[in-house]
Amino acid sequence: MKENIIEVLLYLFEYYIDTSAELEADQAEGSEQQTEIIDKSTLELELEQAGFRPQEISKALDWLENITIVPEETQAQAALPALSMRVYSEQEQARLNAECRGYLLFLEQAGLLDDVTREVVIERTLALETEDIDLEQLKSVVLMVMFYQPGQEVAYAWVEELVFDDLVADIH
């Protein structure tokens, strides 16, 4: 049995993003194929058949429902001057190691992650029920959050390329 929320999310993201990309390509070529809307119960059934437990599926779907919600405190932080520095709380430092925090800083300094999106990434990462979040999990969360953020298409493409370049480098 597959057991954690991030695995369910990655499965959903990989399967449905690939499917929607194929549908968009078909539509661009003049195909009359319509995008299929999948209801929650059908999706839950498909995930159970893929080997995920119902409670993990439920948690993952709840996690996804909040992926575009920007908390009020995050909106207030976004209004801070551009030269401000993000200071991580003790809880955040305990869950996000120095490598993860460094990666977020790198993405910010490269102009790929704005303040609001960074806060959504941190909030969604901490919402995972994983004690120790590693860099690969963080990268997955960054990709998922950026995919769902309006106006982040270019940054998403750059981050996606960075993540997949890292995976290819790790394999070789």
C-alpha atoms as a PDB file:
ATOM      1  CA  MET A   1       0.000   0.000   0.000  1.00  0.00           C
ATOM      2  CA  LYS A   2       1.162   3.497  -0.792  1.00  0.00           C
ATOM      3  CA  GLU A   3       1.003   5.491   2.379  1.00  0.00           C
ATOM      4  CA  ASN A   4       1.617   9.198   2.363  1.00  0.00           C
ATOM      5  CA  ILE A   5      -0.125  12.292   1.104  1.00  0.00           C
ATOM      6  CA  ILE A   6       2.746  13.457  -1.093  1.00  0.00           C
ATOM      7  CA  GLU A   7       2.618  10.180  -3.044  1.00  0.00           C
ATOM      8  CA  VAL A   8      -1.101  10.675  -3.714  1.00  0.00           C
ATOM      9  CA  LEU A   9      -0.496  14.283  -4.749  1.00  0.00           C
ATOM     10  CA  LEU A  10       2.362  13.355  -7.058  1.00  0.00           C
ATOM     11  CA  TYR A  11       0.275  10.604  -8.634  1.00  0.00           C
ATOM     12  CA  LEU A  12      -2.595  13.030  -9.219  1.00  0.00           C
ATOM     13  CA  PHE A  13      -0.338  15.770 -10.490  1.00  0.00           C
ATOM     14  CA  GLU A  14       1.597  13.533 -12.843  1.00  0.00           C
ATOM     15  CA  TYR A  15      -1.402  11.659 -14.200  1.00  0.00           C
ATOM     16  CA  TYR A  16      -3.829  14.535 -14.572  1.00  0.00           C
ATOM     17  CA  ILE A  17      -1.315  17.136 -15.724  1.00  0.00           C
ATOM     18  CA  ASP A  18      -0.091  14.775 -18.435  1.00  0.00           C
ATOM     19  CA  THR A  19      -3.696  14.008 -19.408  1.00  0.00           C
ATOM     20  CA  SER A  20      -4.694  17.687 -19.564  1.00  0.00           C
ATOM     21  CA  ALA A  21      -1.568  18.523 -21.600  1.00  0.00           C
ATOM     22  CA  GLU A  22      -2.523  15.817 -24.109  1.00  0.00           C
ATOM     23  CA  LEU A  23      -6.089  17.122 -24.250  1.00  0.00           C
ATOM     24  CA  GLU A  24      -4.869  20.685 -24.839  1.00  0.00           C
ATOM     25  CA  ALA A  25      -2.554  19.479 -27.624  1.00  0.00           C
ATOM     26  CA  ASP A  26      -5.434  17.582 -29.239  1.00  0.00           C
ATOM     27  CA  GLN A  27      -7.671  20.654 -29.021  1.00  0.00           C
ATOM     28  CA  ALA A  28      -4.938  22.860 -30.501  1.00  0.00           C
ATOM     29  CA  GLU A  29      -4.768  20.523 -33.508  1.00  0.00           C
ATOM     30  CA  GLY A  30      -8.469  21.049 -34.184  1.00  0.00           C
ATOM     31  CA  SER A  31      -9.809  17.985 -32.419  1.00  0.00           C
ATOM     32  CA  GLU A  32     -13.305  18.343 -31.023  1.00  0.00           C
ATOM     33  CA  GLN A  33     -12.372  16.293 -27.932  1.00  0.00           C
ATOM     34  CA  GLN A  34     -13.808  17.829 -24.761  1.00  0.00           C
ATOM     35  CA  THR A  35     -12.037  18.060 -21.407  1.00  0.00           C
ATOM     36  CA  GLU A  36     -13.520  15.459 -19.105  1.00  0.00           C
ATOM     37  CA  ILE A  37     -14.555  16.634 -15.653  1.00  0.00           C
ATOM     38  CA  ILE A  38     -14.011  13.953 -13.049  1.00  0.00           C
ATOM     39  CA  ASP A  39     -16.154  13.981  -9.940  1.00  0.00           C
ATOM     40  CA  LYS A  40     -14.640  13.467  -6.511  1.00  0.00           C
ATOM     41  CA  SER A  41     -16.091   9.980  -5.945  1.00  0.00           C
ATOM     42  CA  THR A  42     -14.737   8.732  -9.283  1.00  0.00           C
ATOM     43  CA  LEU A  43     -11.345  10.200  -8.484  1.00  0.00           C
ATOM     44  CA  GLU A  44     -11.341   8.604  -5.020  1.00  0.00           C
ATOM     45  CA  LEU A  45     -12.219   5.229  -6.558  1.00  0.00           C
ATOM     46  CA  GLU A  46      -9.427   5.516  -9.138  1.00  0.00           C
ATOM     47  CA  LEU A  47      -6.927   6.380  -6.401  1.00  0.00           C
ATOM     48  CA  GLU A  48      -8.039   3.450  -4.249  1.00  0.00           C
ATOM     49  CA  GLN A  49      -7.602   1.154  -7.247  1.00  0.00           C
ATOM     50  CA  ALA A  50      -4.097   2.599  -7.680  1.00  0.00           C
ATOM     51  CA  GLY A  51      -3.303   1.386  -4.145  1.00  0.00           C
ATOM     52  CA  PHE A  52      -3.812   4.447  -1.978  1.00  0.00           C
ATOM     53  CA  ARG A  53      -5.642   4.289   1.358  1.00  0.00           C
ATOM     54  CA  PRO A  54      -8.951   6.210   1.689  1.00  0.00           C
ATOM     55  CA  GLN A  55      -7.702   8.413   4.545  1.00  0.00           C
ATOM     56  CA  GLU A  56      -4.605   9.454   2.557  1.00  0.00           C
ATOM     57  CA  ILE A  57      -6.771  10.168  -0.484  1.00  0.00           C
ATOM     58  CA  SER A  58      -9.081  12.339   1.579  1.00  0.00           C
ATOM     59  CA  LYS A  59      -6.170  14.263   3.104  1.00  0.00           C
ATOM     60  CA  ALA A  60      -4.567  14.784  -0.317  1.00  0.00           C
ATOM     61  CA  LEU A  61      -7.810  16.094  -1.830  1.00  0.00           C
ATOM     62  CA  ASP A  62      -8.262  18.453   1.133  1.00  0.00           C
ATOM     63  CA  TRP A  63      -4.649  19.608   0.639  1.00  0.00           C
ATOM     64  CA  LEU A  64      -5.364  20.326  -3.031  1.00  0.00           C
ATOM     65  CA  GLU A  65      -8.521  22.280  -2.229  1.00  0.00           C
ATOM     66  CA  ASN A  66      -6.382  24.788  -0.320  1.00  0.00           C
ATOM     67  CA  ILE A  67      -3.574  25.115  -2.862  1.00  0.00           C
ATOM     68  CA  THR A  68      -4.755  28.466  -4.220  1.00  0.00           C
ATOM     69  CA  ILE A  69      -5.856  29.989  -0.921  1.00  0.00           C
ATOM     70  CA  VAL A  70      -3.568  32.769   0.244  1.00  0.00           C
ATOM     71  CA  PRO A  71      -3.978  33.383   3.991  1.00  0.00           C
ATOM     72  CA  GLU A  72      -4.528  36.995   5.102  1.00  0.00           C
ATOM     73  CA  GLU A  73      -1.217  37.103   6.983  1.00  0.00           C
ATOM     74  CA  THR A  74       0.540  36.064   3.769  1.00  0.00           C
ATOM     75  CA  GLN A  75      -1.119  38.902   1.881  1.00  0.00           C
ATOM     76  CA  ALA A  76       0.037  41.318   4.598  1.00  0.00           C
ATOM     77  CA  GLN A  77       3.599  39.966   4.361  1.00  0.00           C
ATOM     78  CA  ALA A  78       3.557  40.475   0.594  1.00  0.00           C
ATOM     79  CA  ALA A  79       3.055  44.187   1.206  1.00  0.00           C
ATOM     80  CA  LEU A  80       6.446  44.404   2.970  1.00  0.00           C
ATOM     81  CA  PRO A  81       9.296  46.159   1.167  1.00  0.00           C
ATOM     82  CA  ALA A  82      11.031  44.078  -1.504  1.00  0.00           C
ATOM     83  CA  LEU A  83      14.314  44.211   0.379  1.00  0.00           C
ATOM     84  CA  SER A  84      12.899  42.449   3.417  1.00  0.00           C
ATOM     85  CA  MET A  85      14.214  39.023   4.445  1.00  0.00           C
ATOM     86  CA  ARG A  86      12.034  36.035   5.354  1.00  0.00           C
ATOM     87  CA  VAL A  87      12.767  34.756   8.852  1.00  0.00           C
ATOM     88  CA  TYR A  88      11.590  31.208   9.494  1.00  0.00           C
ATOM     89  CA  SER A  89       9.867  30.293  12.755  1.00  0.00           C
ATOM     90  CA  GLU A  90      11.223  27.487  14.928  1.00  0.00           C
ATOM     91  CA  GLN A  91       8.481  25.154  13.668  1.00  0.00           C
ATOM     92  CA  GLU A  92       9.311  25.991  10.048  1.00  0.00           C
ATOM     93  CA  GLN A  93      13.033  25.468  10.666  1.00  0.00           C
ATOM     94  CA  ALA A  94      12.328  22.121  12.310  1.00  0.00           C
ATOM     95  CA  ARG A  95      10.353  20.880   9.293  1.00  0.00           C
ATOM     96  CA  LEU A  96      12.252  22.642   6.483  1.00  0.00           C
ATOM     97  CA  ASN A  97      15.962  21.920   6.710  1.00  0.00           C
ATOM     98  CA  ALA A  98      18.640  24.378   5.565  1.00  0.00           C
ATOM     99  CA  GLU A  99      18.761  22.790   2.106  1.00  0.00           C
ATOM    100  CA  CYS A 100      15.012  23.375   1.627  1.00  0.00           C
ATOM    101  CA  ARG A 101      15.160  26.940   2.907  1.00  0.00           C
ATOM    102  CA  GLY A 102      18.167  27.585   0.678  1.00  0.00           C
ATOM    103  CA  TYR A 103      16.299  26.267  -2.349  1.00  0.00           C
ATOM    104  CA  LEU A 104      13.374  28.597  -1.652  1.00  0.00           C
ATOM    105  CA  LEU A 105      15.808  31.516  -1.333  1.00  0.00           C
ATOM    106  CA  PHE A 106      17.470  30.505  -4.611  1.00  0.00           C
ATOM    107  CA  LEU A 107      14.085  30.489  -6.386  1.00  0.00           C
ATOM    108  CA  GLU A 108      13.258  33.902  -4.947  1.00  0.00           C
ATOM    109  CA  GLN A 109      16.592  35.423  -5.900  1.00  0.00           C
ATOM    110  CA  ALA A 110      16.238  33.995  -9.412  1.00  0.00           C
ATOM    111  CA  GLY A 111      12.881  35.778  -9.677  1.00  0.00           C
ATOM    112  CA  LEU A 112      10.963  32.515 -10.041  1.00  0.00           C
ATOM    113  CA  LEU A 113       9.142  32.678  -6.724  1.00  0.00           C
ATOM    114  CA  ASP A 114       7.447  35.812  -5.436  1.00  0.00           C
ATOM    115  CA  ASP A 115       6.692  36.497  -1.769  1.00  0.00           C
ATOM    116  CA  VAL A 116       3.086  35.336  -1.910  1.00  0.00           C
ATOM    117  CA  THR A 117       3.858  32.130  -3.782  1.00  0.00           C
ATOM    118  CA  ARG A 118       6.738  31.386  -1.401  1.00  0.00           C
ATOM    119  CA  GLU A 119       4.356  31.680   1.545  1.00  0.00           C
ATOM    120  CA  VAL A 120       1.817  29.402  -0.126  1.00  0.00           C
ATOM    121  CA  VAL A 121       4.619  26.885  -0.787  1.00  0.00           C
ATOM    122  CA  ILE A 122       5.718  27.010   2.855  1.00  0.00           C
ATOM    123  CA  GLU A 123       2.142  26.719   4.129  1.00  0.00           C
ATOM    124  CA  ARG A 124       1.299  23.803   1.805  1.00  0.00           C
ATOM    125  CA  THR A 125       4.587  22.058   2.631  1.00  0.00           C
ATOM    126  CA  LEU A 126       3.922  22.323   6.347  1.00  0.00           C
ATOM    127  CA  ALA A 127       0.386  21.042   5.743  1.00  0.00           C
ATOM    128  CA  LEU A 128       1.871  17.724   4.620  1.00  0.00           C
ATOM    129  CA  GLU A 129       1.852  15.244   7.456  1.00  0.00           C
ATOM    130  CA  THR A 130       5.559  14.534   7.048  1.00  0.00           C
ATOM    131  CA  GLU A 131       7.968  15.236   9.893  1.00  0.00           C
ATOM    132  CA  ASP A 132      11.117  15.650   7.837  1.00  0.00           C
ATOM    133  CA  ILE A 133      10.549  17.290   4.503  1.00  0.00           C
ATOM    134  CA  ASP A 134      13.325  16.624   2.043  1.00  0.00           C
ATOM    135  CA  LEU A 135      14.320  18.707  -0.949  1.00  0.00           C
ATOM    136  CA  GLU A 136      12.594  16.422  -3.470  1.00  0.00           C
ATOM    137  CA  GLN A 137       9.281  16.739  -1.615  1.00  0.00           C
ATOM    138  CA  LEU A 138       9.683  20.506  -1.443  1.00  0.00           C
ATOM    139  CA  LYS A 139      10.407  20.684  -5.176  1.00  0.00           C
ATOM    140  CA  SER A 140       7.222  18.716  -5.840  1.00  0.00           C
ATOM    141  CA  VAL A 141       5.194  21.096  -3.687  1.00  0.00           C
ATOM    142  CA  VAL A 142       6.767  24.102  -5.446  1.00  0.00           C
ATOM    143  CA  LEU A 143       5.758  22.674  -8.828  1.00  0.00           C
ATOM    144  CA  MET A 144       2.202  21.926  -7.729  1.00  0.00           C
ATOM    145  CA  VAL A 145       1.698  25.333  -6.107  1.00  0.00           C
ATOM    146  CA  MET A 146       3.166  27.229  -9.050  1.00  0.00           C
ATOM    147  CA  PHE A 147       1.059  25.254 -11.509  1.00  0.00           C
ATOM    148  CA  TYR A 148      -2.110  26.435  -9.774  1.00  0.00           C
ATOM    149  CA  GLN A 149      -1.051  30.068  -9.260  1.00  0.00           C
ATOM    150  CA  PRO A 150      -2.460  32.396 -11.904  1.00  0.00           C
ATOM    151  CA  GLY A 151       0.140  34.397 -13.798  1.00  0.00           C
ATOM    152  CA  GLN A 152       3.004  32.034 -12.874  1.00  0.00           C
ATOM    153  CA  GLU A 153       3.178  30.094 -16.141  1.00  0.00           C
ATOM    154  CA  VAL A 154       6.657  31.299 -17.151  1.00  0.00           C
ATOM    155  CA  ALA A 155       8.091  30.811 -13.661  1.00  0.00           C
ATOM    156  CA  TYR A 156       6.456  27.369 -13.507  1.00  0.00           C
ATOM    157  CA  ALA A 157       8.153  26.357 -16.758  1.00  0.00           C
ATOM    158  CA  TRP A 158      11.565  27.455 -15.432  1.00  0.00           C
ATOM    159  CA  VAL A 159      11.088  25.651 -12.111  1.00  0.00           C
ATOM    160  CA  GLU A 160       9.857  22.532 -13.899  1.00  0.00           C
ATOM    161  CA  GLU A 161      13.004  22.568 -16.021  1.00  0.00           C
ATOM    162  CA  LEU A 162      15.183  23.053 -12.926  1.00  0.00           C
ATOM    163  CA  VAL A 163      13.523  20.158 -11.123  1.00  0.00           C
ATOM    164  CA  PHE A 164      13.781  17.779 -14.058  1.00  0.00           C
ATOM    165  CA  ASP A 165      17.395  18.832 -14.775  1.00  0.00           C
ATOM    166  CA  ASP A 166      18.192  17.967 -11.142  1.00  0.00           C
ATOM    167  CA  LEU A 167      16.534  14.562 -11.548  1.00  0.00           C
ATOM    168  CA  VAL A 168      18.525  13.780 -14.690  1.00  0.00           C
ATOM    169  CA  ALA A 169      21.745  14.895 -12.956  1.00  0.00           C
ATOM    170  CA  ASP A 170      20.963  12.643  -9.993  1.00  0.00           C
ATOM    171  CA  ILE A 171      20.388   9.645 -12.278  1.00  0.00           C
ATOM    172  CA  HIS A 172      23.718  10.034 -14.114  1.00  0.00           C
END
